[in-house]
Amino acid sequence: SQLQDELNTLKGWRQEALRAHREIRDGAKPAYALRDLTEVNSVAAAIAVAKEELSGELEFHLNSKSDPATPFQSPTDVLHAFRWLAGPFRRAKSGRLAIADLETHFAEYLPTWIYAPNQSEITMGQNPEWYRIDYKLPKGQPPMMRMHLACGNDRKPEKCIRIGFVWDAHRSIVAVGFIGQHQRSAKS
């Protein structure tokens, strides 16, 4: 019956919440402990929530190579990645939070993901349409996304995603310019 299905769903949510609570109490990072709790059901929904929740900290200026409808299988992870950019990353870059190693910090925040801060000049030069962001940086800096967050290394879009972005130190804001399976590189 429908009532029994709803009861089973509630029991499942309760068990998941108790598991997450135990993990957090035992020292796990909340993003890791809550990794299986679905907050959004698509990358597009993660973007929509981030636009509202992280306004003034994170902006979207997606280039023509982006695919915000990418079918990545863990869209709540994408939302957690946006929250890391708008939270710890932004505070560290603006000098309000001491993080010795952002790559290690992000790997602990979202296991299975990486923060890659230095895309090569050669790759960006050979594939500018994949790395350009429609965003004005101060002092005539080139609008290229040198940094990205990544999960997976697969050819299946369900298992792989990249989030390219720039840091605007003048405005103290993260501008996301690419979301999709892969950005073209010298290897692809």
C-alpha atoms as a PDB file:
ATOM      1  CA  SER A   1       0.000   0.000   0.000  1.00  0.00           C
ATOM      2  CA  GLN A   2       0.994   3.631  -0.391  1.00  0.00           C
ATOM      3  CA  LEU A   3       1.016   4.172   3.380  1.00  0.00           C
ATOM      4  CA  GLN A   4       3.396   1.247   3.891  1.00  0.00           C
ATOM      5  CA  ASP A   5       5.702   2.596   1.168  1.00  0.00           C
ATOM      6  CA  GLU A   6       5.780   5.986   2.869  1.00  0.00           C
ATOM      7  CA  LEU A   7       6.516   4.369   6.242  1.00  0.00           C
ATOM      8  CA  ASN A   8       9.388   2.394   4.699  1.00  0.00           C
ATOM      9  CA  THR A   9      10.767   5.570   3.128  1.00  0.00           C
ATOM     10  CA  LEU A  10      10.628   7.356   6.489  1.00  0.00           C
ATOM     11  CA  LYS A  11      12.365   4.416   8.198  1.00  0.00           C
ATOM     12  CA  GLY A  12      15.089   4.529   5.546  1.00  0.00           C
ATOM     13  CA  TRP A  13      15.589   8.274   6.055  1.00  0.00           C
ATOM     14  CA  ARG A  14      15.749   7.795   9.814  1.00  0.00           C
ATOM     15  CA  GLN A  15      18.380   5.049   9.483  1.00  0.00           C
ATOM     16  CA  GLU A  16      20.405   7.223   7.118  1.00  0.00           C
ATOM     17  CA  ALA A  17      20.196  10.216   9.479  1.00  0.00           C
ATOM     18  CA  LEU A  18      21.292   8.084  12.437  1.00  0.00           C
ATOM     19  CA  ARG A  19      24.241   6.701  10.438  1.00  0.00           C
ATOM     20  CA  ALA A  20      25.306  10.196   9.413  1.00  0.00           C
ATOM     21  CA  HIS A  21      24.951  11.475  12.975  1.00  0.00           C
ATOM     22  CA  ARG A  22      27.174   8.643  14.262  1.00  0.00           C
ATOM     23  CA  GLU A  23      29.815   9.404  11.607  1.00  0.00           C
ATOM     24  CA  ILE A  24      29.845  13.123  12.457  1.00  0.00           C
ATOM     25  CA  ARG A  25      30.041  12.340  16.177  1.00  0.00           C
ATOM     26  CA  ASP A  26      33.015  10.049  15.406  1.00  0.00           C
ATOM     27  CA  GLY A  27      34.833  12.868  13.606  1.00  0.00           C
ATOM     28  CA  ALA A  28      33.702  12.617   9.971  1.00  0.00           C
ATOM     29  CA  LYS A  29      33.274  15.850   8.028  1.00  0.00           C
ATOM     30  CA  PRO A  30      29.561  16.664   7.600  1.00  0.00           C
ATOM     31  CA  ALA A  31      29.767  16.715   3.786  1.00  0.00           C
ATOM     32  CA  TYR A  32      31.189  13.194   3.869  1.00  0.00           C
ATOM     33  CA  ALA A  33      28.741  11.875   6.461  1.00  0.00           C
ATOM     34  CA  LEU A  34      25.777  13.350   4.595  1.00  0.00           C
ATOM     35  CA  ARG A  35      27.010  12.236   1.166  1.00  0.00           C
ATOM     36  CA  ASP A  36      24.143   9.818   0.601  1.00  0.00           C
ATOM     37  CA  LEU A  37      21.360  12.200   1.596  1.00  0.00           C
ATOM     38  CA  THR A  38      19.912  13.546  -1.609  1.00  0.00           C
ATOM     39  CA  GLU A  39      19.440  17.293  -1.510  1.00  0.00           C
ATOM     40  CA  VAL A  40      19.007  17.825  -5.240  1.00  0.00           C
ATOM     41  CA  ASN A  41      18.216  15.431  -8.063  1.00  0.00           C
ATOM     42  CA  SER A  42      20.176  17.048 -10.908  1.00  0.00           C
ATOM     43  CA  VAL A  43      23.163  19.273 -11.622  1.00  0.00           C
ATOM     44  CA  ALA A  44      20.752  21.944 -12.877  1.00  0.00           C
ATOM     45  CA  ALA A  45      18.942  21.807  -9.507  1.00  0.00           C
ATOM     46  CA  ALA A  46      22.304  22.099  -7.689  1.00  0.00           C
ATOM     47  CA  ILE A  47      23.050  25.228  -9.720  1.00  0.00           C
ATOM     48  CA  ALA A  48      19.614  26.679  -8.914  1.00  0.00           C
ATOM     49  CA  VAL A  49      20.025  26.054  -5.166  1.00  0.00           C
ATOM     50  CA  ALA A  50      23.566  27.496  -5.226  1.00  0.00           C
ATOM     51  CA  LYS A  51      22.409  30.635  -7.057  1.00  0.00           C
ATOM     52  CA  GLU A  52      19.916  31.312  -4.294  1.00  0.00           C
ATOM     53  CA  GLU A  53      21.838  30.039  -1.261  1.00  0.00           C
ATOM     54  CA  LEU A  54      25.303  31.355  -2.176  1.00  0.00           C
ATOM     55  CA  SER A  55      24.408  34.665  -3.789  1.00  0.00           C
ATOM     56  CA  GLY A  56      27.130  37.258  -3.274  1.00  0.00           C
ATOM     57  CA  GLU A  57      29.751  34.556  -2.748  1.00  0.00           C
ATOM     58  CA  LEU A  58      29.452  32.466  -5.916  1.00  0.00           C
ATOM     59  CA  GLU A  59      28.242  33.453  -9.394  1.00  0.00           C
ATOM     60  CA  PHE A  60      27.629  31.513 -12.582  1.00  0.00           C
ATOM     61  CA  HIS A  61      28.928  32.768 -15.928  1.00  0.00           C
ATOM     62  CA  LEU A  62      28.809  29.512 -17.901  1.00  0.00           C
ATOM     63  CA  ASN A  63      30.591  29.426 -21.240  1.00  0.00           C
ATOM     64  CA  SER A  64      29.224  27.877 -24.445  1.00  0.00           C
ATOM     65  CA  LYS A  65      30.978  24.535 -23.783  1.00  0.00           C
ATOM     66  CA  SER A  66      29.202  24.037 -20.449  1.00  0.00           C
ATOM     67  CA  ASP A  67      26.476  21.459 -19.994  1.00  0.00           C
ATOM     68  CA  PRO A  68      24.431  22.361 -16.902  1.00  0.00           C
ATOM     69  CA  ALA A  69      22.089  19.458 -17.758  1.00  0.00           C
ATOM     70  CA  THR A  70      24.958  16.946 -17.520  1.00  0.00           C
ATOM     71  CA  PRO A  71      23.590  13.680 -16.062  1.00  0.00           C
ATOM     72  CA  PHE A  72      26.245  13.350 -13.315  1.00  0.00           C
ATOM     73  CA  GLN A  73      25.008  10.712 -10.877  1.00  0.00           C
ATOM     74  CA  SER A  74      25.845  12.599  -7.661  1.00  0.00           C
ATOM     75  CA  PRO A  75      24.322  16.073  -8.008  1.00  0.00           C
ATOM     76  CA  THR A  76      24.299  16.642  -4.233  1.00  0.00           C
ATOM     77  CA  ASP A  77      28.115  16.359  -4.386  1.00  0.00           C
ATOM     78  CA  VAL A  78      28.050  19.186  -6.935  1.00  0.00           C
ATOM     79  CA  LEU A  79      26.078  21.322  -4.476  1.00  0.00           C
ATOM     80  CA  HIS A  80      28.604  20.469  -1.731  1.00  0.00           C
ATOM     81  CA  ALA A  81      31.411  21.489  -4.132  1.00  0.00           C
ATOM     82  CA  PHE A  82      29.716  24.863  -4.715  1.00  0.00           C
ATOM     83  CA  ARG A  83      29.388  25.303  -0.944  1.00  0.00           C
ATOM     84  CA  TRP A  84      33.105  24.580  -0.497  1.00  0.00           C
ATOM     85  CA  LEU A  85      33.968  27.192  -3.131  1.00  0.00           C
ATOM     86  CA  ALA A  86      31.700  29.794  -1.515  1.00  0.00           C
ATOM     87  CA  GLY A  87      32.784  28.845   2.015  1.00  0.00           C
ATOM     88  CA  PRO A  88      36.256  27.548   2.922  1.00  0.00           C
ATOM     89  CA  PHE A  89      37.865  28.304  -0.469  1.00  0.00           C
ATOM     90  CA  ARG A  90      36.539  31.875  -0.580  1.00  0.00           C
ATOM     91  CA  ARG A  91      37.445  32.586   3.055  1.00  0.00           C
ATOM     92  CA  ALA A  92      40.960  31.159   2.546  1.00  0.00           C
ATOM     93  CA  LYS A  93      41.546  33.170  -0.637  1.00  0.00           C
ATOM     94  CA  SER A  94      40.339  36.373   1.054  1.00  0.00           C
ATOM     95  CA  GLY A  95      42.617  35.777   4.059  1.00  0.00           C
ATOM     96  CA  ARG A  96      39.865  35.106   6.598  1.00  0.00           C
ATOM     97  CA  LEU A  97      40.602  31.394   7.062  1.00  0.00           C
ATOM     98  CA  ALA A  98      44.003  29.745   7.330  1.00  0.00           C
ATOM     99  CA  ILE A  99      44.141  26.644   5.129  1.00  0.00           C
ATOM    100  CA  ALA A 100      47.684  25.465   4.437  1.00  0.00           C
ATOM    101  CA  ASP A 101      46.762  23.219   1.508  1.00  0.00           C
ATOM    102  CA  LEU A 102      43.485  23.765  -0.349  1.00  0.00           C
ATOM    103  CA  GLU A 103      43.917  20.545  -2.362  1.00  0.00           C
ATOM    104  CA  THR A 104      44.130  18.423   0.803  1.00  0.00           C
ATOM    105  CA  HIS A 105      41.330  20.375   2.476  1.00  0.00           C
ATOM    106  CA  PHE A 106      38.984  19.788  -0.472  1.00  0.00           C
ATOM    107  CA  ALA A 107      39.913  16.085  -0.680  1.00  0.00           C
ATOM    108  CA  GLU A 108      38.922  15.728   2.969  1.00  0.00           C
ATOM    109  CA  TYR A 109      35.735  17.746   2.435  1.00  0.00           C
ATOM    110  CA  LEU A 110      34.596  15.747  -0.601  1.00  0.00           C
ATOM    111  CA  PRO A 111      36.451  12.435  -0.893  1.00  0.00           C
ATOM    112  CA  THR A 112      36.697  11.154  -4.509  1.00  0.00           C
ATOM    113  CA  TRP A 113      36.924  14.769  -5.753  1.00  0.00           C
ATOM    114  CA  ILE A 114      40.024  16.860  -6.451  1.00  0.00           C
ATOM    115  CA  TYR A 115      40.830  20.554  -6.562  1.00  0.00           C
ATOM    116  CA  ALA A 116      43.187  21.301  -9.457  1.00  0.00           C
ATOM    117  CA  PRO A 117      44.508  24.878  -9.201  1.00  0.00           C
ATOM    118  CA  ASN A 118      46.848  25.130 -12.196  1.00  0.00           C
ATOM    119  CA  GLN A 119      45.645  24.250 -15.679  1.00  0.00           C
ATOM    120  CA  SER A 120      48.561  24.580 -18.082  1.00  0.00           C
ATOM    121  CA  GLU A 121      48.962  27.643 -20.299  1.00  0.00           C
ATOM    122  CA  ILE A 122      49.474  25.306 -23.286  1.00  0.00           C
ATOM    123  CA  THR A 123      46.151  23.520 -22.704  1.00  0.00           C
ATOM    124  CA  MET A 124      44.242  26.776 -22.208  1.00  0.00           C
ATOM    125  CA  GLY A 125      45.939  28.313 -25.254  1.00  0.00           C
ATOM    126  CA  GLN A 126      45.076  25.333 -27.473  1.00  0.00           C
ATOM    127  CA  ASN A 127      41.452  25.177 -26.282  1.00  0.00           C
ATOM    128  CA  PRO A 128      40.465  28.725 -25.303  1.00  0.00           C
ATOM    129  CA  GLU A 129      36.741  28.212 -25.857  1.00  0.00           C
ATOM    130  CA  TRP A 130      36.765  25.548 -23.093  1.00  0.00           C
ATOM    131  CA  TYR A 131      38.585  27.746 -20.544  1.00  0.00           C
ATOM    132  CA  ARG A 132      37.295  31.238 -21.294  1.00  0.00           C
ATOM    133  CA  ILE A 133      34.739  32.680 -18.889  1.00  0.00           C
ATOM    134  CA  ASP A 134      32.388  35.542 -19.695  1.00  0.00           C
ATOM    135  CA  TYR A 135      33.439  37.514 -16.645  1.00  0.00           C
ATOM    136  CA  LYS A 136      35.455  40.714 -16.326  1.00  0.00           C
ATOM    137  CA  LEU A 137      38.458  40.402 -14.049  1.00  0.00           C
ATOM    138  CA  PRO A 138      40.184  43.531 -12.740  1.00  0.00           C
ATOM    139  CA  LYS A 139      43.458  44.879 -14.093  1.00  0.00           C
ATOM    140  CA  GLY A 140      43.008  43.351 -17.538  1.00  0.00           C
ATOM    141  CA  GLN A 141      43.623  39.794 -16.355  1.00  0.00           C
ATOM    142  CA  PRO A 142      42.704  37.271 -19.050  1.00  0.00           C
ATOM    143  CA  PRO A 143      39.321  35.682 -18.375  1.00  0.00           C
ATOM    144  CA  MET A 144      40.596  32.084 -18.376  1.00  0.00           C
ATOM    145  CA  MET A 145      39.676  29.389 -15.867  1.00  0.00           C
ATOM    146  CA  ARG A 146      42.927  28.033 -14.499  1.00  0.00           C
ATOM    147  CA  MET A 147      41.229  26.223 -11.578  1.00  0.00           C
ATOM    148  CA  HIS A 148      38.716  23.416 -11.507  1.00  0.00           C
ATOM    149  CA  LEU A 149      37.105  20.855  -9.242  1.00  0.00           C
ATOM    150  CA  ALA A 150      36.825  17.343 -10.631  1.00  0.00           C
ATOM    151  CA  CYS A 151      35.212  14.029  -9.873  1.00  0.00           C
ATOM    152  CA  GLY A 152      35.813  10.954 -11.971  1.00  0.00           C
ATOM    153  CA  ASN A 153      37.922  10.297 -14.998  1.00  0.00           C
ATOM    154  CA  ASP A 154      35.428   8.372 -17.073  1.00  0.00           C
ATOM    155  CA  ARG A 155      33.995   8.884 -20.537  1.00  0.00           C
ATOM    156  CA  LYS A 156      30.488   8.364 -19.143  1.00  0.00           C
ATOM    157  CA  PRO A 157      28.920  11.694 -18.128  1.00  0.00           C
ATOM    158  CA  GLU A 158      27.121   9.991 -15.231  1.00  0.00           C
ATOM    159  CA  LYS A 159      30.493   9.286 -13.608  1.00  0.00           C
ATOM    160  CA  CYS A 160      32.544  12.370 -14.395  1.00  0.00           C
ATOM    161  CA  ILE A 161      32.221  16.132 -13.896  1.00  0.00           C
ATOM    162  CA  ARG A 162      34.390  19.254 -14.006  1.00  0.00           C
ATOM    163  CA  ILE A 163      33.634  22.663 -12.497  1.00  0.00           C
ATOM    164  CA  GLY A 164      35.914  25.390 -13.877  1.00  0.00           C
ATOM    165  CA  PHE A 165      36.117  28.725 -12.071  1.00  0.00           C
ATOM    166  CA  VAL A 166      38.060  31.891 -11.361  1.00  0.00           C
ATOM    167  CA  TRP A 167      38.733  33.750  -8.127  1.00  0.00           C
ATOM    168  CA  ASP A 168      38.037  37.467  -8.217  1.00  0.00           C
ATOM    169  CA  ALA A 169      40.126  38.858  -5.350  1.00  0.00           C
ATOM    170  CA  HIS A 170      38.814  42.385  -5.980  1.00  0.00           C
ATOM    171  CA  ARG A 171      35.186  41.391  -5.374  1.00  0.00           C
ATOM    172  CA  SER A 172      35.996  38.409  -3.115  1.00  0.00           C
ATOM    173  CA  ILE A 173      33.829  36.150  -5.226  1.00  0.00           C
ATOM    174  CA  VAL A 174      34.101  32.824  -7.047  1.00  0.00           C
ATOM    175  CA  ALA A 175      32.852  32.877 -10.649  1.00  0.00           C
ATOM    176  CA  VAL A 176      32.000  29.478 -12.138  1.00  0.00           C
ATOM    177  CA  GLY A 177      32.405  29.403 -15.910  1.00  0.00           C
ATOM    178  CA  PHE A 178      32.331  25.723 -16.857  1.00  0.00           C
ATOM    179  CA  ILE A 179      30.252  22.758 -15.752  1.00  0.00           C
ATOM    180  CA  GLY A 180      30.365  19.538 -17.713  1.00  0.00           C
ATOM    181  CA  GLN A 181      31.964  16.181 -18.184  1.00  0.00           C
ATOM    182  CA  HIS A 182      35.442  17.255 -19.310  1.00  0.00           C
ATOM    183  CA  GLN A 183      37.211  20.371 -20.494  1.00  0.00           C
ATOM    184  CA  ARG A 184      39.260  19.695 -23.595  1.00  0.00           C
ATOM    185  CA  SER A 185      42.973  19.307 -22.889  1.00  0.00           C
ATOM    186  CA  ALA A 186      46.171  18.271 -24.619  1.00  0.00           C
ATOM    187  CA  LYS A 187      45.229  14.661 -23.706  1.00  0.00           C
ATOM    188  CA  SER A 188      41.717  14.760 -25.191  1.00  0.00           C
END
